[in-house]
PDB file of N, CA and C in Angstrom:
ATOM      1  N   MET A   1       9.772 -25.171  22.705  1.00  0.00           N
ATOM      2  CA  MET A   1      10.195 -25.094  23.865  1.00  0.00           C
ATOM      3  C   MET A   1       9.293 -24.632  25.127  1.00  0.00           C
ATOM      4  N   LYS A   2       9.456 -24.779  25.881  1.00  0.00           N
ATOM      5  CA  LYS A   2       8.921 -24.297  26.868  1.00  0.00           C
ATOM      6  C   LYS A   2       8.788 -22.677  28.031  1.00  0.00           C
ATOM      7  N   GLY A   3       9.682 -21.790  27.003  1.00  0.00           N
ATOM      8  CA  GLY A   3       9.681 -20.518  27.577  1.00  0.00           C
ATOM      9  C   GLY A   3       8.386 -19.770  27.311  1.00  0.00           C
ATOM     10  N   THR A   4       8.876 -18.162  26.859  1.00  0.00           N
ATOM     11  CA  THR A   4       8.155 -17.140  26.088  1.00  0.00           C
ATOM     12  C   THR A   4       7.486 -17.621  25.373  1.00  0.00           C
ATOM     13  N   PRO A   5       7.944 -18.331  24.249  1.00  0.00           N
ATOM     14  CA  PRO A   5       7.021 -19.068  22.958  1.00  0.00           C
ATOM     15  C   PRO A   5       5.795 -19.720  23.081  1.00  0.00           C
ATOM     16  N   SER A   6       5.968 -20.378  24.858  1.00  0.00           N
ATOM     17  CA  SER A   6       4.589 -21.681  24.451  1.00  0.00           C
ATOM     18  C   SER A   6       3.760 -20.329  25.450  1.00  0.00           C
ATOM     19  N   PHE A   7       3.946 -19.290  26.314  1.00  0.00           N
ATOM     20  CA  PHE A   7       2.867 -18.928  26.746  1.00  0.00           C
ATOM     21  C   PHE A   7       1.541 -18.092  25.526  1.00  0.00           C
ATOM     22  N   GLY A   8       2.359 -18.089  24.598  1.00  0.00           N
ATOM     23  CA  GLY A   8       1.694 -17.085  23.058  1.00  0.00           C
ATOM     24  C   GLY A   8       0.457 -17.882  23.005  1.00  0.00           C
ATOM     25  N   ARG A   9       0.358 -19.495  23.702  1.00  0.00           N
ATOM     26  CA  ARG A   9      -0.471 -20.711  23.226  1.00  0.00           C
ATOM     27  C   ARG A   9      -1.766 -20.533  24.129  1.00  0.00           C
ATOM     28  N   HIS A  10      -1.516 -19.772  25.324  1.00  0.00           N
ATOM     29  CA  HIS A  10      -2.650 -19.592  26.551  1.00  0.00           C
ATOM     30  C   HIS A  10      -3.645 -18.925  26.184  1.00  0.00           C
ATOM     31  N   ASN A  11      -4.276 -18.621  25.196  1.00  0.00           N
ATOM     32  CA  ASN A  11      -5.636 -18.132  24.994  1.00  0.00           C
ATOM     33  C   ASN A  11      -6.661 -18.569  25.164  1.00  0.00           C
ATOM     34  N   LYS A  12      -6.743 -18.958  25.967  1.00  0.00           N
ATOM     35  CA  LYS A  12      -8.193 -20.281  26.412  1.00  0.00           C
ATOM     36  C   LYS A  12      -8.763 -19.606  27.836  1.00  0.00           C
ATOM     37  N   ILE A  13      -9.698 -19.387  27.555  1.00  0.00           N
ATOM     38  CA  ILE A  13     -10.192 -19.058  29.414  1.00  0.00           C
ATOM     39  C   ILE A  13     -10.942 -19.787  29.592  1.00  0.00           C
ATOM     40  N   SER A  14     -10.320 -20.431  30.984  1.00  0.00           N
ATOM     41  CA  SER A  14     -11.173 -22.037  31.297  1.00  0.00           C
ATOM     42  C   SER A  14     -11.626 -21.629  32.955  1.00  0.00           C
ATOM     43  N   HIS A  15     -11.806 -19.769  33.504  1.00  0.00           N
ATOM     44  CA  HIS A  15     -11.869 -19.924  34.408  1.00  0.00           C
ATOM     45  C   HIS A  15     -11.988 -18.697  34.767  1.00  0.00           C
ATOM     46  N   ILE A  16     -13.735 -18.389  35.446  1.00  0.00           N
ATOM     47  CA  ILE A  16     -14.358 -17.050  35.498  1.00  0.00           C
ATOM     48  C   ILE A  16     -14.802 -16.879  36.848  1.00  0.00           C
ATOM     49  N   ARG A  17     -15.158 -15.965  37.489  1.00  0.00           N
ATOM     50  CA  ARG A  17     -16.036 -15.368  38.422  1.00  0.00           C
ATOM     51  C   ARG A  17     -16.488 -16.284  38.591  1.00  0.00           C
ATOM     52  N   CYS A  18     -17.026 -16.323  40.503  1.00  0.00           N
ATOM     53  CA  CYS A  18     -17.969 -17.265  40.683  1.00  0.00           C
ATOM     54  C   CYS A  18     -18.758 -16.583  41.598  1.00  0.00           C
ATOM     55  N   ARG A  19     -20.136 -17.046  41.329  1.00  0.00           N
ATOM     56  CA  ARG A  19     -21.334 -16.407  41.504  1.00  0.00           C
ATOM     57  C   ARG A  19     -21.621 -16.458  43.290  1.00  0.00           C
ATOM     58  N   ARG A  20     -20.685 -17.211  43.434  1.00  0.00           N
ATOM     59  CA  ARG A  20     -21.002 -17.524  45.498  1.00  0.00           C
ATOM     60  C   ARG A  20     -20.315 -17.111  45.918  1.00  0.00           C
ATOM     61  N   CYS A  21     -18.556 -17.282  45.699  1.00  0.00           N
ATOM     62  CA  CYS A  21     -17.679 -16.940  46.300  1.00  0.00           C
ATOM     63  C   CYS A  21     -16.657 -15.835  45.338  1.00  0.00           C
ATOM     64  N   GLY A  22     -17.177 -15.147  44.504  1.00  0.00           N
ATOM     65  CA  GLY A  22     -16.628 -13.994  44.283  1.00  0.00           C
ATOM     66  C   GLY A  22     -15.195 -14.326  43.351  1.00  0.00           C
ATOM     67  N   ARG A  23     -14.530 -15.662  43.391  1.00  0.00           N
ATOM     68  CA  ARG A  23     -13.456 -15.364  43.200  1.00  0.00           C
ATOM     69  C   ARG A  23     -13.151 -15.814  41.855  1.00  0.00           C
ATOM     70  N   HIS A  24     -12.236 -16.068  40.815  1.00  0.00           N
ATOM     71  CA  HIS A  24     -11.921 -16.255  39.933  1.00  0.00           C
ATOM     72  C   HIS A  24     -11.766 -17.870  39.750  1.00  0.00           C
ATOM     73  N   SER A  25     -12.589 -18.804  39.685  1.00  0.00           N
ATOM     74  CA  SER A  25     -12.244 -19.963  40.093  1.00  0.00           C
ATOM     75  C   SER A  25     -13.494 -20.454  39.511  1.00  0.00           C
ATOM     76  N   TYR A  26     -14.228 -20.315  39.476  1.00  0.00           N
ATOM     77  CA  TYR A  26     -15.191 -20.904  38.367  1.00  0.00           C
ATOM     78  C   TYR A  26     -15.251 -21.610  37.095  1.00  0.00           C
ATOM     79  N   HIS A  27     -15.097 -22.824  37.063  1.00  0.00           N
ATOM     80  CA  HIS A  27     -14.732 -23.633  35.711  1.00  0.00           C
ATOM     81  C   HIS A  27     -15.819 -24.000  34.879  1.00  0.00           C
ATOM     82  N   ILE A  28     -15.665 -23.141  33.444  1.00  0.00           N
ATOM     83  CA  ILE A  28     -16.828 -23.045  32.547  1.00  0.00           C
ATOM     84  C   ILE A  28     -17.469 -24.515  32.002  1.00  0.00           C
ATOM     85  N   GLN A  29     -16.119 -25.487  31.943  1.00  0.00           N
ATOM     86  CA  GLN A  29     -16.330 -26.291  31.001  1.00  0.00           C
ATOM     87  C   GLN A  29     -17.484 -27.445  32.269  1.00  0.00           C
ATOM     88  N   HIS A  30     -16.302 -27.437  33.297  1.00  0.00           N
ATOM     89  CA  HIS A  30     -16.427 -28.386  34.999  1.00  0.00           C
ATOM     90  C   HIS A  30     -18.050 -27.962  35.018  1.00  0.00           C
ATOM     91  N   LYS A  31     -18.300 -26.594  35.267  1.00  0.00           N
ATOM     92  CA  LYS A  31     -19.285 -26.144  35.870  1.00  0.00           C
ATOM     93  C   LYS A  31     -19.604 -26.020  37.244  1.00  0.00           C
ATOM     94  N   LYS A  32     -18.474 -25.976  37.555  1.00  0.00           N
ATOM     95  CA  LYS A  32     -17.851 -25.915  39.086  1.00  0.00           C
ATOM     96  C   LYS A  32     -16.972 -25.148  39.784  1.00  0.00           C
ATOM     97  N   CYS A  33     -17.219 -24.601  40.802  1.00  0.00           N
ATOM     98  CA  CYS A  33     -15.709 -23.229  41.278  1.00  0.00           C
ATOM     99  C   CYS A  33     -14.966 -24.334  42.323  1.00  0.00           C
ATOM    100  N   SER A  34     -13.819 -24.110  41.864  1.00  0.00           N
ATOM    101  CA  SER A  34     -13.003 -25.158  42.740  1.00  0.00           C
ATOM    102  C   SER A  34     -12.636 -24.374  44.156  1.00  0.00           C
ATOM    103  N   ALA A  35     -12.785 -23.016  44.109  1.00  0.00           N
ATOM    104  CA  ALA A  35     -12.416 -22.195  45.660  1.00  0.00           C
ATOM    105  C   ALA A  35     -13.700 -22.852  46.232  1.00  0.00           C
ATOM    106  N   CYS A  36     -14.789 -22.581  46.131  1.00  0.00           N
ATOM    107  CA  CYS A  36     -15.981 -22.802  46.901  1.00  0.00           C
ATOM    108  C   CYS A  36     -17.258 -24.072  46.690  1.00  0.00           C
ATOM    109  N   GLY A  37     -16.351 -24.840  45.532  1.00  0.00           N
ATOM    110  CA  GLY A  37     -17.480 -25.915  45.426  1.00  0.00           C
ATOM    111  C   GLY A  37     -18.721 -25.851  44.801  1.00  0.00           C
ATOM    112  N   PHE A  38     -19.073 -24.148  43.955  1.00  0.00           N
ATOM    113  CA  PHE A  38     -20.275 -24.228  44.037  1.00  0.00           C
ATOM    114  C   PHE A  38     -20.823 -24.809  42.432  1.00  0.00           C
ATOM    115  N   GLY A  39     -21.705 -25.478  42.413  1.00  0.00           N
ATOM    116  CA  GLY A  39     -22.019 -26.270  41.373  1.00  0.00           C
ATOM    117  C   GLY A  39     -21.828 -27.584  41.462  1.00  0.00           C
ATOM    118  N   LYS A  40     -20.903 -28.098  42.378  1.00  0.00           N
ATOM    119  CA  LYS A  40     -20.883 -29.162  43.046  1.00  0.00           C
ATOM    120  C   LYS A  40     -21.931 -29.807  44.213  1.00  0.00           C
ATOM    121  N   SER A  41     -21.779 -29.012  45.209  1.00  0.00           N
ATOM    122  CA  SER A  41     -22.472 -29.030  46.467  1.00  0.00           C
ATOM    123  C   SER A  41     -22.853 -28.007  47.127  1.00  0.00           C
ATOM    124  N   ALA A  42     -23.748 -28.105  47.915  1.00  0.00           N
ATOM    125  CA  ALA A  42     -24.915 -26.811  48.376  1.00  0.00           C
ATOM    126  C   ALA A  42     -23.727 -26.299  49.773  1.00  0.00           C
ATOM    127  N   ARG A  43     -22.800 -27.085  50.131  1.00  0.00           N
ATOM    128  CA  ARG A  43     -22.282 -27.149  51.635  1.00  0.00           C
ATOM    129  C   ARG A  43     -20.779 -26.251  51.017  1.00  0.00           C
ATOM    130  N   MET A  44     -20.677 -25.130  51.460  1.00  0.00           N
ATOM    131  CA  MET A  44     -19.367 -24.266  50.975  1.00  0.00           C
ATOM    132  C   MET A  44     -17.876 -25.234  51.396  1.00  0.00           C
ATOM    133  N   TYR A  45     -17.375 -25.329  50.313  1.00  0.00           N
ATOM    134  CA  TYR A  45     -15.592 -25.881  50.244  1.00  0.00           C
ATOM    135  C   TYR A  45     -14.768 -24.923  50.732  1.00  0.00           C
ATOM    136  N   LYS A  46     -14.589 -25.962  52.102  1.00  0.00           N
ATOM    137  CA  LYS A  46     -13.551 -25.165  52.107  1.00  0.00           C
ATOM    138  C   LYS A  46     -12.306 -26.115  53.159  1.00  0.00           C
ATOM    139  N   HIS A  47     -11.271 -25.226  53.195  1.00  0.00           N
ATOM    140  CA  HIS A  47      -9.377 -26.349  53.799  1.00  0.00           C
ATOM    141  C   HIS A  47      -9.042 -25.084  54.693  1.00  0.00           C
ATOM    142  N   ALA A  48      -8.556 -25.808  55.828  1.00  0.00           N
ATOM    143  CA  ALA A  48      -7.693 -24.494  56.609  1.00  0.00           C
ATOM    144  C   ALA A  48      -6.553 -24.009  55.453  1.00  0.00           C
ATOM    145  N   TRP A  49      -6.237 -25.263  55.103  1.00  0.00           N
ATOM    146  CA  TRP A  49      -4.421 -25.117  54.137  1.00  0.00           C
ATOM    147  C   TRP A  49      -4.653 -24.463  53.168  1.00  0.00           C
ATOM    148  N   LYS A  50      -5.936 -24.498  52.343  1.00  0.00           N
ATOM    149  CA  LYS A  50      -5.989 -23.711  51.118  1.00  0.00           C
ATOM    150  C   LYS A  50      -6.944 -22.179  51.133  1.00  0.00           C
ATOM    151  N   TRP A  51      -7.629 -21.971  51.919  1.00  0.00           N
ATOM    152  CA  TRP A  51      -8.568 -20.700  52.024  1.00  0.00           C
ATOM    153  C   TRP A  51      -7.628 -19.636  52.181  1.00  0.00           C
ATOM    154  N   LYS A  52      -7.928 -18.866  51.524  1.00  0.00           N
ATOM    155  CA  LYS A  52      -7.730 -17.526  51.325  1.00  0.00           C
ATOM    156  C   LYS A  52      -8.880 -16.048  51.427  1.00  0.00           C
ATOM    157  N   PRO A  53      -8.554 -15.442  51.792  1.00  0.00           N
ATOM    158  CA  PRO A  53      -9.769 -13.750  51.878  1.00  0.00           C
ATOM    159  C   PRO A  53     -10.604 -13.941  50.674  1.00  0.00           C
ATOM    160  N   VAL A  54     -11.879 -14.082  50.650  1.00  0.00           N
ATOM    161  CA  VAL A  54     -12.134 -14.140  49.627  1.00  0.00           C
ATOM    162  C   VAL A  54     -12.863 -12.721  48.717  1.00  0.00           C
ATOM    163  N   ASN A  55     -12.227 -12.234  47.282  1.00  0.00           N
ATOM    164  CA  ASN A  55     -12.113 -11.147  46.665  1.00  0.00           C
ATOM    165  C   ASN A  55     -13.865 -11.002  46.100  1.00  0.00           C
ATOM    166  N   ARG A  56     -14.530 -10.446  46.958  1.00  0.00           N
ATOM    167  CA  ARG A  56     -15.888 -10.195  46.513  1.00  0.00           C
ATOM    168  C   ARG A  56     -15.660  -8.441  45.993  1.00  0.00           C
ATOM    169  N   SER A  57     -15.096  -7.992  44.723  1.00  0.00           N
ATOM    170  CA  SER A  57     -15.178  -6.927  44.371  1.00  0.00           C
ATOM    171  C   SER A  57     -16.816  -6.848  43.841  1.00  0.00           C
ATOM    172  N   LYS A  58     -17.558  -7.446  43.791  1.00  0.00           N
ATOM    173  CA  LYS A  58     -18.728  -7.139  42.850  1.00  0.00           C
ATOM    174  C   LYS A  58     -19.839  -6.846  44.347  1.00  0.00           C
ATOM    175  N   ARG A  59     -19.003  -6.585  45.098  1.00  0.00           N
ATOM    176  CA  ARG A  59     -20.284  -6.366  46.274  1.00  0.00           C
ATOM    177  C   ARG A  59     -20.123  -4.986  46.673  1.00  0.00           C
ATOM    178  N   LYS A  60     -18.770  -3.816  46.009  1.00  0.00           N
ATOM    179  CA  LYS A  60     -18.889  -2.871  46.419  1.00  0.00           C
ATOM    180  C   LYS A  60     -19.983  -2.039  45.765  1.00  0.00           C
ATOM    181  N   PHE A  61     -20.836  -2.297  44.862  1.00  0.00           N
ATOM    182  CA  PHE A  61     -21.658  -1.969  44.105  1.00  0.00           C
ATOM    183  C   PHE A  61     -22.747  -1.575  44.644  1.00  0.00           C
ATOM    184  N   LEU A  62     -23.336  -2.662  45.585  1.00  0.00           N
ATOM    185  CA  LEU A  62     -24.477  -2.691  46.500  1.00  0.00           C
ATOM    186  C   LEU A  62     -24.211  -1.396  47.440  1.00  0.00           C
ATOM    187  N   THR A  63     -25.529  -1.356  48.017  1.00  0.00           N
ATOM    188  CA  THR A  63     -25.632  -0.255  49.042  1.00  0.00           C
ATOM    189  C   THR A  63     -25.740  -0.575  50.416  1.00  0.00           C
ATOM    190  N   PRO A  64     -24.694  -0.124  50.992  1.00  0.00           N
ATOM    191  CA  PRO A  64     -24.735  -0.514  51.967  1.00  0.00           C
ATOM    192  C   PRO A  64     -25.716  -0.709  52.976  1.00  0.00           C
ATOM    193  N   GLY A  65     -26.322  -1.194  53.941  1.00  0.00           N
ATOM    194  CA  GLY A  65     -27.404  -1.218  54.670  1.00  0.00           C
ATOM    195  C   GLY A  65     -26.979  -0.734  56.175  1.00  0.00           C
ATOM    196  N   HIS A  66     -25.633  -0.534  56.235  1.00  0.00           N
ATOM    197  CA  HIS A  66     -25.363  -0.192  57.884  1.00  0.00           C
ATOM    198  C   HIS A  66     -25.447   1.048  58.124  1.00  0.00           C
ATOM    199  N   LYS A  67     -25.877   1.935  57.456  1.00  0.00           N
ATOM    200  CA  LYS A  67     -25.479   3.484  57.437  1.00  0.00           C
ATOM    201  C   LYS A  67     -26.444   4.404  57.763  1.00  0.00           C
ATOM    202  N   LYS A  68     -26.437   5.263  58.929  1.00  0.00           N
ATOM    203  CA  LYS A  68     -28.074   5.770  58.470  1.00  0.00           C
ATOM    204  C   LYS A  68     -27.999   6.827  58.367  1.00  0.00           C
ATOM    205  N   VAL A  69     -29.108   7.343  57.672  1.00  0.00           N
ATOM    206  CA  VAL A  69     -29.261   8.613  57.304  1.00  0.00           C
ATOM    207  C   VAL A  69     -29.669   9.387  58.285  1.00  0.00           C
ATOM    208  N   LYS A  70     -28.771  10.720  57.817  1.00  0.00           N
ATOM    209  CA  LYS A  70     -29.097  11.721  58.578  1.00  0.00           C
ATOM    210  C   LYS A  70     -30.247  13.043  58.621  1.00  0.00           C
ATOM    211  N   THR A  71     -30.931  12.815  59.696  1.00  0.00           N
ATOM    212  CA  THR A  71     -32.094  14.069  59.400  1.00  0.00           C
ATOM    213  C   THR A  71     -31.970  15.066  59.943  1.00  0.00           C
ATOM    214  N   VAL A  72     -32.128  15.973  59.184  1.00  0.00           N
ATOM    215  CA  VAL A  72     -31.842  17.768  59.166  1.00  0.00           C
ATOM    216  C   VAL A  72     -33.597  18.225  59.976  1.00  0.00           C
ATOM    217  N   HIS A  73     -33.001  18.677  61.450  1.00  0.00           N
ATOM    218  CA  HIS A  73     -34.250  19.182  61.828  1.00  0.00           C
ATOM    219  C   HIS A  73     -34.405  20.511  62.152  1.00  0.00           C
ATOM    220  N   ALA A  74     -35.366  20.841  61.970  1.00  0.00           N
ATOM    221  CA  ALA A  74     -35.808  22.399  61.676  1.00  0.00           C
ATOM    222  C   ALA A  74     -35.408  23.454  62.499  1.00  0.00           C
ATOM    223  N   LYS A  75     -34.938  24.733  62.327  1.00  0.00           N
ATOM    224  CA  LYS A  75     -34.738  25.287  63.529  1.00  0.00           C
ATOM    225  C   LYS A  75     -35.760  25.721  64.169  1.00  0.00           C
ATOM    226  N   LYS A  76     -35.954  25.789  65.661  1.00  0.00           N
ATOM    227  CA  LYS A  76     -37.079  26.743  65.956  1.00  0.00           C
ATOM    228  C   LYS A  76     -36.815  28.371  66.149  1.00  0.00           C
ATOM    229  N   ILE A  77     -38.305  29.125  65.710  1.00  0.00           N
ATOM    230  CA  ILE A  77     -37.832  30.641  65.911  1.00  0.00           C
ATOM    231  C   ILE A  77     -38.363  31.117  67.343  1.00  0.00           C
TER     232      ILE A  77
END
């Protein structure tokens, strides 16, 4: 059958999150990212017809460097 019973066989993980682009496109066995080409080339693999916004969810845990630290000045008496 090709319906719901067939999806019970889909329990293998072929792709994981890529170190370079952050997308869920890194093939474990091929050792290559299908989105950015990491593992195959040093150049970023990109086409205008296939490129989507990159989901870099790991970046939200880094401390942003663009925020200014507010300094509290002592009041003059």
